[in-house]
Amino acid sequence: MSETTAAPHRADRRPDLATNVRIAVLRLSRRLRTESTLEVTEAQHSVLSALYHLGPMTAGTLAEHDHVQRPSMTRTIASLEERGLVTRGTDPRDKRCVVVTPTEAGNELVREIKRRRNAWLDKRLARLTPDERQVVAEAATILRRMVEE
């Protein structure tokens, strides 16, 4: 291949917008998780958060919500129950169904993780200029709209 027809070197390529956004969102998400997770795995936090925000659910509904297999969800629920973060009880409408409910300790843990994640992010946002914060605010609104479509 001649110099003019050779494929550009990897270092010469600039990632497109989709790649840049994907990488930034993934890295931010990873940093938030590592900076603030307290005594629970991300899977356990996901279950607690769903219960906190959406209310009591069956194991099957939680498994669908988290896109995991039911046996995996059953293990996660069992570990949360052992730690006193959730309880299992019967559904008042259908006694055959078991409903998972967060305990006050589980709800408090979700609030504390949220507080720590916000504190970590607030510290970084405070380092930005007012114009940069405005850009981030606008981008956040747009990203939320994209996800909700």
N, C-alpha and C. Protein backbone atom coordinates (compact mmCIF):
# COMPACT_ATOMS: atom_id res chain seq x y z
N MET A 1 0.83 -1.19 0.00
CA MET A 1 0.00 0.00 0.00
C MET A 1 0.87 1.24 0.00
N SER A 2 0.47 2.23 -0.75
CA SER A 2 1.23 3.48 -0.74
C SER A 2 0.85 4.30 0.47
N GLU A 3 1.65 5.33 0.72
CA GLU A 3 1.42 6.17 1.89
C GLU A 3 0.08 6.87 1.83
N THR A 4 -0.36 7.23 0.64
CA THR A 4 -1.61 7.97 0.51
C THR A 4 -2.84 7.08 0.63
N THR A 5 -2.69 5.79 0.38
CA THR A 5 -3.86 4.90 0.44
C THR A 5 -3.87 4.04 1.70
N ALA A 6 -2.84 4.15 2.50
CA ALA A 6 -2.78 3.34 3.72
C ALA A 6 -3.88 3.78 4.69
N ALA A 7 -4.39 2.82 5.43
CA ALA A 7 -5.39 3.14 6.45
C ALA A 7 -4.76 4.01 7.51
N PRO A 8 -5.52 4.97 8.05
CA PRO A 8 -4.94 5.83 9.09
C PRO A 8 -4.59 5.02 10.33
N HIS A 9 -3.54 5.47 10.99
CA HIS A 9 -3.15 4.82 12.24
C HIS A 9 -4.22 5.04 13.28
N ARG A 10 -4.34 4.11 14.20
CA ARG A 10 -5.34 4.20 15.26
C ARG A 10 -5.23 5.52 16.02
N ALA A 11 -4.02 5.97 16.29
CA ALA A 11 -3.80 7.20 17.04
C ALA A 11 -4.32 8.42 16.27
N ASP A 12 -4.42 8.31 14.95
CA ASP A 12 -4.87 9.44 14.13
C ASP A 12 -6.39 9.57 14.12
N ARG A 13 -7.09 8.55 14.52
CA ARG A 13 -8.56 8.59 14.50
C ARG A 13 -9.10 9.26 15.75
N ARG A 14 -10.10 10.06 15.56
CA ARG A 14 -10.79 10.66 16.70
C ARG A 14 -12.11 9.93 16.87
N PRO A 15 -12.42 9.54 18.11
CA PRO A 15 -13.69 8.84 18.33
C PRO A 15 -14.87 9.74 17.95
N ASP A 16 -15.90 9.13 17.43
CA ASP A 16 -17.09 9.89 17.08
C ASP A 16 -17.87 10.25 18.34
N LEU A 17 -18.91 11.04 18.19
CA LEU A 17 -19.69 11.51 19.33
C LEU A 17 -20.26 10.35 20.14
N ALA A 18 -20.82 9.35 19.46
CA ALA A 18 -21.40 8.21 20.18
C ALA A 18 -20.35 7.52 21.04
N THR A 19 -19.17 7.34 20.51
CA THR A 19 -18.09 6.69 21.26
C THR A 19 -17.68 7.54 22.46
N ASN A 20 -17.52 8.83 22.24
CA ASN A 20 -17.13 9.72 23.34
C ASN A 20 -18.17 9.74 24.46
N VAL A 21 -19.43 9.82 24.10
CA VAL A 21 -20.49 9.84 25.11
C VAL A 21 -20.54 8.51 25.84
N ARG A 22 -20.48 7.41 25.10
CA ARG A 22 -20.52 6.08 25.72
C ARG A 22 -19.38 5.89 26.71
N ILE A 23 -18.18 6.24 26.31
CA ILE A 23 -17.01 6.09 27.19
C ILE A 23 -17.15 6.98 28.42
N ALA A 24 -17.56 8.22 28.23
CA ALA A 24 -17.69 9.15 29.36
C ALA A 24 -18.75 8.66 30.35
N VAL A 25 -19.88 8.21 29.84
CA VAL A 25 -20.96 7.74 30.72
C VAL A 25 -20.53 6.48 31.46
N LEU A 26 -19.90 5.55 30.77
CA LEU A 26 -19.45 4.32 31.42
C LEU A 26 -18.40 4.60 32.49
N ARG A 27 -17.45 5.45 32.18
CA ARG A 27 -16.40 5.77 33.17
C ARG A 27 -16.97 6.52 34.36
N LEU A 28 -17.89 7.45 34.12
CA LEU A 28 -18.52 8.17 35.22
C LEU A 28 -19.31 7.20 36.10
N SER A 29 -20.06 6.32 35.47
CA SER A 29 -20.83 5.33 36.23
C SER A 29 -19.93 4.44 37.06
N ARG A 30 -18.85 3.98 36.48
CA ARG A 30 -17.89 3.13 37.20
C ARG A 30 -17.28 3.87 38.39
N ARG A 31 -16.89 5.12 38.18
CA ARG A 31 -16.30 5.91 39.27
C ARG A 31 -17.30 6.13 40.40
N LEU A 32 -18.53 6.45 40.05
CA LEU A 32 -19.55 6.66 41.08
C LEU A 32 -19.76 5.39 41.89
N ARG A 33 -19.78 4.24 41.22
CA ARG A 33 -19.96 2.97 41.94
C ARG A 33 -18.79 2.70 42.87
N THR A 34 -17.57 2.89 42.40
CA THR A 34 -16.42 2.55 43.23
C THR A 34 -16.21 3.55 44.36
N GLU A 35 -16.65 4.78 44.18
CA GLU A 35 -16.46 5.80 45.20
C GLU A 35 -17.45 5.67 46.35
N SER A 36 -18.54 4.94 46.16
CA SER A 36 -19.60 5.08 47.15
C SER A 36 -20.29 3.80 47.60
N THR A 37 -19.96 2.68 47.05
CA THR A 37 -20.66 1.47 47.45
C THR A 37 -20.26 1.09 48.86
N LEU A 38 -21.26 0.86 49.68
CA LEU A 38 -21.04 0.55 51.09
C LEU A 38 -21.54 -0.86 51.38
N GLU A 39 -20.63 -1.76 51.63
CA GLU A 39 -20.99 -3.07 52.15
C GLU A 39 -21.94 -3.91 51.30
N VAL A 40 -22.24 -3.49 50.10
CA VAL A 40 -23.10 -4.30 49.23
C VAL A 40 -22.49 -4.34 47.83
N THR A 41 -22.83 -5.39 47.10
CA THR A 41 -22.40 -5.48 45.71
C THR A 41 -23.27 -4.57 44.87
N GLU A 42 -22.87 -4.33 43.65
CA GLU A 42 -23.68 -3.51 42.76
C GLU A 42 -25.03 -4.18 42.49
N ALA A 43 -25.04 -5.51 42.37
CA ALA A 43 -26.31 -6.23 42.16
C ALA A 43 -27.24 -6.05 43.36
N GLN A 44 -26.69 -6.13 44.55
CA GLN A 44 -27.50 -5.94 45.75
C GLN A 44 -28.01 -4.50 45.83
N HIS A 45 -27.15 -3.55 45.50
CA HIS A 45 -27.58 -2.15 45.51
C HIS A 45 -28.68 -1.92 44.48
N SER A 46 -28.57 -2.54 43.33
CA SER A 46 -29.58 -2.39 42.30
C SER A 46 -30.95 -2.87 42.79
N VAL A 47 -30.97 -4.00 43.48
CA VAL A 47 -32.22 -4.53 44.03
C VAL A 47 -32.78 -3.59 45.09
N LEU A 48 -31.93 -3.18 46.02
CA LEU A 48 -32.37 -2.26 47.08
C LEU A 48 -32.89 -0.95 46.49
N SER A 49 -32.20 -0.44 45.49
CA SER A 49 -32.61 0.81 44.87
C SER A 49 -33.96 0.66 44.17
N ALA A 50 -34.15 -0.44 43.47
CA ALA A 50 -35.44 -0.68 42.80
C ALA A 50 -36.57 -0.75 43.82
N LEU A 51 -36.33 -1.45 44.91
CA LEU A 51 -37.36 -1.56 45.95
C LEU A 51 -37.62 -0.20 46.61
N TYR A 52 -36.58 0.55 46.83
CA TYR A 52 -36.69 1.87 47.45
C TYR A 52 -37.53 2.81 46.57
N HIS A 53 -37.23 2.81 45.28
CA HIS A 53 -37.88 3.75 44.36
C HIS A 53 -39.23 3.26 43.84
N LEU A 54 -39.38 1.95 43.65
CA LEU A 54 -40.58 1.42 43.01
C LEU A 54 -41.52 0.70 43.96
N GLY A 55 -41.03 0.36 45.16
CA GLY A 55 -41.86 -0.33 46.13
C GLY A 55 -41.66 -1.83 46.08
N PRO A 56 -42.33 -2.55 46.99
CA PRO A 56 -42.18 -4.00 47.07
C PRO A 56 -42.50 -4.69 45.74
N MET A 57 -41.75 -5.77 45.47
CA MET A 57 -41.91 -6.52 44.21
C MET A 57 -41.66 -8.00 44.46
N THR A 58 -42.12 -8.80 43.53
CA THR A 58 -41.80 -10.23 43.57
C THR A 58 -40.38 -10.43 43.05
N ALA A 59 -39.81 -11.59 43.33
CA ALA A 59 -38.47 -11.91 42.83
C ALA A 59 -38.46 -11.92 41.31
N GLY A 60 -39.52 -12.42 40.71
CA GLY A 60 -39.61 -12.45 39.25
C GLY A 60 -39.60 -11.07 38.64
N THR A 61 -40.34 -10.15 39.24
CA THR A 61 -40.36 -8.77 38.75
C THR A 61 -39.00 -8.12 38.93
N LEU A 62 -38.37 -8.36 40.06
CA LEU A 62 -37.01 -7.82 40.28
C LEU A 62 -36.03 -8.39 39.26
N ALA A 63 -36.14 -9.68 38.97
CA ALA A 63 -35.24 -10.30 37.98
C ALA A 63 -35.43 -9.65 36.61
N GLU A 64 -36.68 -9.42 36.22
CA GLU A 64 -36.95 -8.75 34.95
C GLU A 64 -36.39 -7.34 34.96
N HIS A 65 -36.61 -6.64 36.05
CA HIS A 65 -36.14 -5.26 36.18
C HIS A 65 -34.62 -5.17 36.02
N ASP A 66 -33.89 -6.11 36.61
CA ASP A 66 -32.42 -6.10 36.57
C ASP A 66 -31.84 -6.92 35.41
N HIS A 67 -32.71 -7.52 34.61
CA HIS A 67 -32.28 -8.31 33.46
C HIS A 67 -31.35 -9.45 33.87
N VAL A 68 -31.75 -10.18 34.90
CA VAL A 68 -31.00 -11.35 35.37
C VAL A 68 -31.94 -12.55 35.46
N GLN A 69 -31.37 -13.73 35.56
CA GLN A 69 -32.17 -14.93 35.71
C GLN A 69 -32.73 -15.01 37.13
N ARG A 70 -33.86 -15.66 37.25
CA ARG A 70 -34.52 -15.74 38.55
C ARG A 70 -33.66 -16.40 39.65
N PRO A 71 -32.93 -17.49 39.35
CA PRO A 71 -32.08 -18.08 40.40
C PRO A 71 -31.03 -17.10 40.93
N SER A 72 -30.49 -16.29 40.05
CA SER A 72 -29.51 -15.28 40.46
C SER A 72 -30.17 -14.25 41.38
N MET A 73 -31.37 -13.83 41.02
CA MET A 73 -32.09 -12.86 41.85
C MET A 73 -32.44 -13.47 43.20
N THR A 74 -32.81 -14.74 43.21
CA THR A 74 -33.15 -15.41 44.47
C THR A 74 -31.94 -15.40 45.42
N ARG A 75 -30.74 -15.64 44.88
CA ARG A 75 -29.53 -15.61 45.70
C ARG A 75 -29.26 -14.20 46.22
N THR A 76 -29.45 -13.20 45.37
CA THR A 76 -29.24 -11.81 45.79
C THR A 76 -30.21 -11.44 46.90
N ILE A 77 -31.46 -11.80 46.75
CA ILE A 77 -32.48 -11.50 47.76
C ILE A 77 -32.13 -12.21 49.07
N ALA A 78 -31.72 -13.46 48.96
CA ALA A 78 -31.37 -14.23 50.18
C ALA A 78 -30.23 -13.55 50.93
N SER A 79 -29.23 -13.07 50.21
CA SER A 79 -28.11 -12.42 50.88
C SER A 79 -28.54 -11.10 51.52
N LEU A 80 -29.42 -10.38 50.87
CA LEU A 80 -29.94 -9.13 51.45
C LEU A 80 -30.80 -9.42 52.67
N GLU A 81 -31.58 -10.49 52.61
CA GLU A 81 -32.43 -10.87 53.74
C GLU A 81 -31.58 -11.28 54.94
N GLU A 82 -30.52 -12.04 54.70
CA GLU A 82 -29.61 -12.45 55.78
C GLU A 82 -29.02 -11.25 56.51
N ARG A 83 -28.83 -10.17 55.78
CA ARG A 83 -28.22 -8.97 56.36
C ARG A 83 -29.26 -8.00 56.92
N GLY A 84 -30.52 -8.38 56.86
CA GLY A 84 -31.58 -7.54 57.41
C GLY A 84 -31.92 -6.34 56.57
N LEU A 85 -31.62 -6.40 55.27
CA LEU A 85 -31.88 -5.27 54.38
C LEU A 85 -33.20 -5.38 53.63
N VAL A 86 -33.72 -6.61 53.52
CA VAL A 86 -35.04 -6.84 52.93
C VAL A 86 -35.76 -7.92 53.73
N THR A 87 -37.07 -7.96 53.55
CA THR A 87 -37.87 -9.05 54.11
C THR A 87 -38.69 -9.66 52.99
N ARG A 88 -39.07 -10.91 53.18
CA ARG A 88 -39.96 -11.57 52.22
C ARG A 88 -41.28 -11.85 52.93
N GLY A 89 -42.35 -11.58 52.24
CA GLY A 89 -43.68 -11.84 52.79
C GLY A 89 -44.63 -12.21 51.68
N THR A 90 -45.83 -12.60 52.05
CA THR A 90 -46.80 -12.99 51.03
C THR A 90 -47.52 -11.76 50.49
N ASP A 91 -47.89 -11.85 49.25
CA ASP A 91 -48.64 -10.79 48.58
C ASP A 91 -50.07 -10.83 49.11
N PRO A 92 -50.59 -9.74 49.65
CA PRO A 92 -51.95 -9.76 50.19
C PRO A 92 -53.00 -10.09 49.13
N ARG A 93 -52.71 -9.80 47.86
CA ARG A 93 -53.66 -10.10 46.78
C ARG A 93 -53.56 -11.53 46.28
N ASP A 94 -52.39 -12.13 46.40
CA ASP A 94 -52.18 -13.50 45.93
C ASP A 94 -51.23 -14.19 46.90
N LYS A 95 -51.78 -14.97 47.78
CA LYS A 95 -50.99 -15.60 48.86
C LYS A 95 -49.91 -16.55 48.33
N ARG A 96 -49.99 -16.95 47.06
CA ARG A 96 -48.98 -17.83 46.47
C ARG A 96 -47.70 -17.08 46.13
N CYS A 97 -47.79 -15.76 45.99
CA CYS A 97 -46.64 -14.94 45.60
C CYS A 97 -45.90 -14.42 46.82
N VAL A 98 -44.58 -14.40 46.69
CA VAL A 98 -43.72 -13.83 47.73
C VAL A 98 -43.30 -12.44 47.26
N VAL A 99 -43.46 -11.47 48.15
CA VAL A 99 -43.10 -10.09 47.84
C VAL A 99 -41.90 -9.69 48.68
N VAL A 100 -40.94 -9.02 48.04
CA VAL A 100 -39.73 -8.56 48.71
C VAL A 100 -39.92 -7.08 49.04
N THR A 101 -39.63 -6.74 50.29
CA THR A 101 -39.81 -5.37 50.78
C THR A 101 -38.51 -4.92 51.47
N PRO A 102 -38.09 -3.69 51.21
CA PRO A 102 -36.88 -3.22 51.90
C PRO A 102 -37.19 -2.93 53.37
N THR A 103 -36.22 -3.18 54.22
CA THR A 103 -36.36 -2.80 55.63
C THR A 103 -35.92 -1.34 55.75
N GLU A 104 -36.10 -0.76 56.92
CA GLU A 104 -35.63 0.61 57.12
C GLU A 104 -34.11 0.66 56.95
N ALA A 105 -33.40 -0.38 57.38
CA ALA A 105 -31.94 -0.43 57.20
C ALA A 105 -31.58 -0.45 55.71
N GLY A 106 -32.36 -1.18 54.92
CA GLY A 106 -32.13 -1.22 53.47
C GLY A 106 -32.38 0.13 52.84
N ASN A 107 -33.47 0.79 53.23
CA ASN A 107 -33.76 2.12 52.70
C ASN A 107 -32.68 3.12 53.11
N GLU A 108 -32.22 3.04 54.34
CA GLU A 108 -31.18 3.95 54.82
C GLU A 108 -29.88 3.74 54.04
N LEU A 109 -29.56 2.51 53.72
CA LEU A 109 -28.35 2.22 52.95
C LEU A 109 -28.46 2.84 51.55
N VAL A 110 -29.62 2.73 50.92
CA VAL A 110 -29.81 3.36 49.60
C VAL A 110 -29.62 4.87 49.70
N ARG A 111 -30.21 5.48 50.72
CA ARG A 111 -30.06 6.92 50.90
C ARG A 111 -28.59 7.32 51.12
N GLU A 112 -27.86 6.52 51.90
CA GLU A 112 -26.45 6.82 52.18
C GLU A 112 -25.60 6.67 50.92
N ILE A 113 -25.85 5.65 50.13
CA ILE A 113 -25.09 5.48 48.88
C ILE A 113 -25.38 6.64 47.94
N LYS A 114 -26.64 7.03 47.85
CA LYS A 114 -27.01 8.17 47.01
C LYS A 114 -26.32 9.45 47.52
N ARG A 115 -26.29 9.64 48.83
CA ARG A 115 -25.64 10.82 49.40
C ARG A 115 -24.16 10.85 49.05
N ARG A 116 -23.49 9.70 49.19
CA ARG A 116 -22.06 9.64 48.88
C ARG A 116 -21.78 9.86 47.39
N ARG A 117 -22.61 9.28 46.55
CA ARG A 117 -22.42 9.47 45.10
C ARG A 117 -22.62 10.93 44.73
N ASN A 118 -23.64 11.55 45.28
CA ASN A 118 -23.88 12.97 45.00
C ASN A 118 -22.74 13.83 45.53
N ALA A 119 -22.23 13.52 46.71
CA ALA A 119 -21.12 14.30 47.28
C ALA A 119 -19.89 14.20 46.39
N TRP A 120 -19.59 12.99 45.91
CA TRP A 120 -18.44 12.80 45.04
C TRP A 120 -18.60 13.62 43.76
N LEU A 121 -19.78 13.55 43.17
CA LEU A 121 -20.03 14.28 41.93
C LEU A 121 -20.09 15.78 42.17
N ASP A 122 -20.71 16.22 43.26
CA ASP A 122 -20.76 17.65 43.58
C ASP A 122 -19.36 18.25 43.69
N LYS A 123 -18.45 17.49 44.29
CA LYS A 123 -17.07 17.97 44.44
C LYS A 123 -16.43 18.19 43.06
N ARG A 124 -16.67 17.30 42.13
CA ARG A 124 -16.10 17.44 40.78
C ARG A 124 -16.78 18.56 40.02
N LEU A 125 -18.09 18.67 40.16
CA LEU A 125 -18.82 19.73 39.45
C LEU A 125 -18.41 21.11 39.95
N ALA A 126 -18.07 21.22 41.24
CA ALA A 126 -17.66 22.50 41.81
C ALA A 126 -16.36 23.01 41.19
N ARG A 127 -15.57 22.13 40.63
CA ARG A 127 -14.31 22.52 40.00
C ARG A 127 -14.50 23.11 38.60
N LEU A 128 -15.69 22.95 38.05
CA LEU A 128 -15.97 23.45 36.71
C LEU A 128 -16.31 24.94 36.75
N THR A 129 -16.13 25.59 35.62
CA THR A 129 -16.54 26.99 35.51
C THR A 129 -18.07 27.03 35.44
N PRO A 130 -18.66 28.18 35.70
CA PRO A 130 -20.13 28.29 35.57
C PRO A 130 -20.61 27.89 34.17
N ASP A 131 -19.87 28.29 33.14
CA ASP A 131 -20.26 27.91 31.78
C ASP A 131 -20.21 26.40 31.58
N GLU A 132 -19.16 25.76 32.11
CA GLU A 132 -19.05 24.30 31.98
C GLU A 132 -20.19 23.60 32.73
N ARG A 133 -20.53 24.11 33.92
CA ARG A 133 -21.66 23.51 34.67
C ARG A 133 -22.95 23.65 33.89
N GLN A 134 -23.13 24.78 33.20
CA GLN A 134 -24.33 24.97 32.39
C GLN A 134 -24.37 23.97 31.25
N VAL A 135 -23.23 23.73 30.61
CA VAL A 135 -23.15 22.74 29.53
C VAL A 135 -23.49 21.34 30.06
N VAL A 136 -22.93 20.99 31.23
CA VAL A 136 -23.20 19.68 31.82
C VAL A 136 -24.69 19.56 32.17
N ALA A 137 -25.29 20.63 32.70
CA ALA A 137 -26.72 20.61 33.03
C ALA A 137 -27.56 20.37 31.78
N GLU A 138 -27.22 21.04 30.71
CA GLU A 138 -27.96 20.86 29.45
C GLU A 138 -27.74 19.46 28.89
N ALA A 139 -26.51 18.96 28.96
CA ALA A 139 -26.22 17.61 28.47
C ALA A 139 -26.98 16.58 29.30
N ALA A 140 -27.05 16.77 30.61
CA ALA A 140 -27.77 15.82 31.47
C ALA A 140 -29.24 15.77 31.08
N THR A 141 -29.84 16.91 30.81
CA THR A 141 -31.24 16.96 30.40
C THR A 141 -31.43 16.20 29.09
N ILE A 142 -30.55 16.43 28.16
CA ILE A 142 -30.64 15.76 26.85
C ILE A 142 -30.44 14.26 27.00
N LEU A 143 -29.44 13.85 27.78
CA LEU A 143 -29.17 12.42 27.97
C LEU A 143 -30.37 11.73 28.64
N ARG A 144 -30.97 12.36 29.63
CA ARG A 144 -32.16 11.77 30.28
C ARG A 144 -33.28 11.59 29.27
N ARG A 145 -33.47 12.61 28.43
CA ARG A 145 -34.53 12.51 27.41
C ARG A 145 -34.23 11.36 26.44
N MET A 146 -32.97 11.20 26.05
CA MET A 146 -32.60 10.12 25.14
C MET A 146 -32.92 8.76 25.75
N VAL A 147 -32.60 8.60 27.03
CA VAL A 147 -32.80 7.33 27.71
C VAL A 147 -34.30 7.04 27.86
N GLU A 148 -35.08 8.05 28.09
CA GLU A 148 -36.51 7.87 28.35
C GLU A 148 -37.33 7.67 27.08
N GLU A 149 -36.75 7.93 25.91
CA GLU A 149 -37.49 7.75 24.64
C GLU A 149 -37.69 6.31 24.31
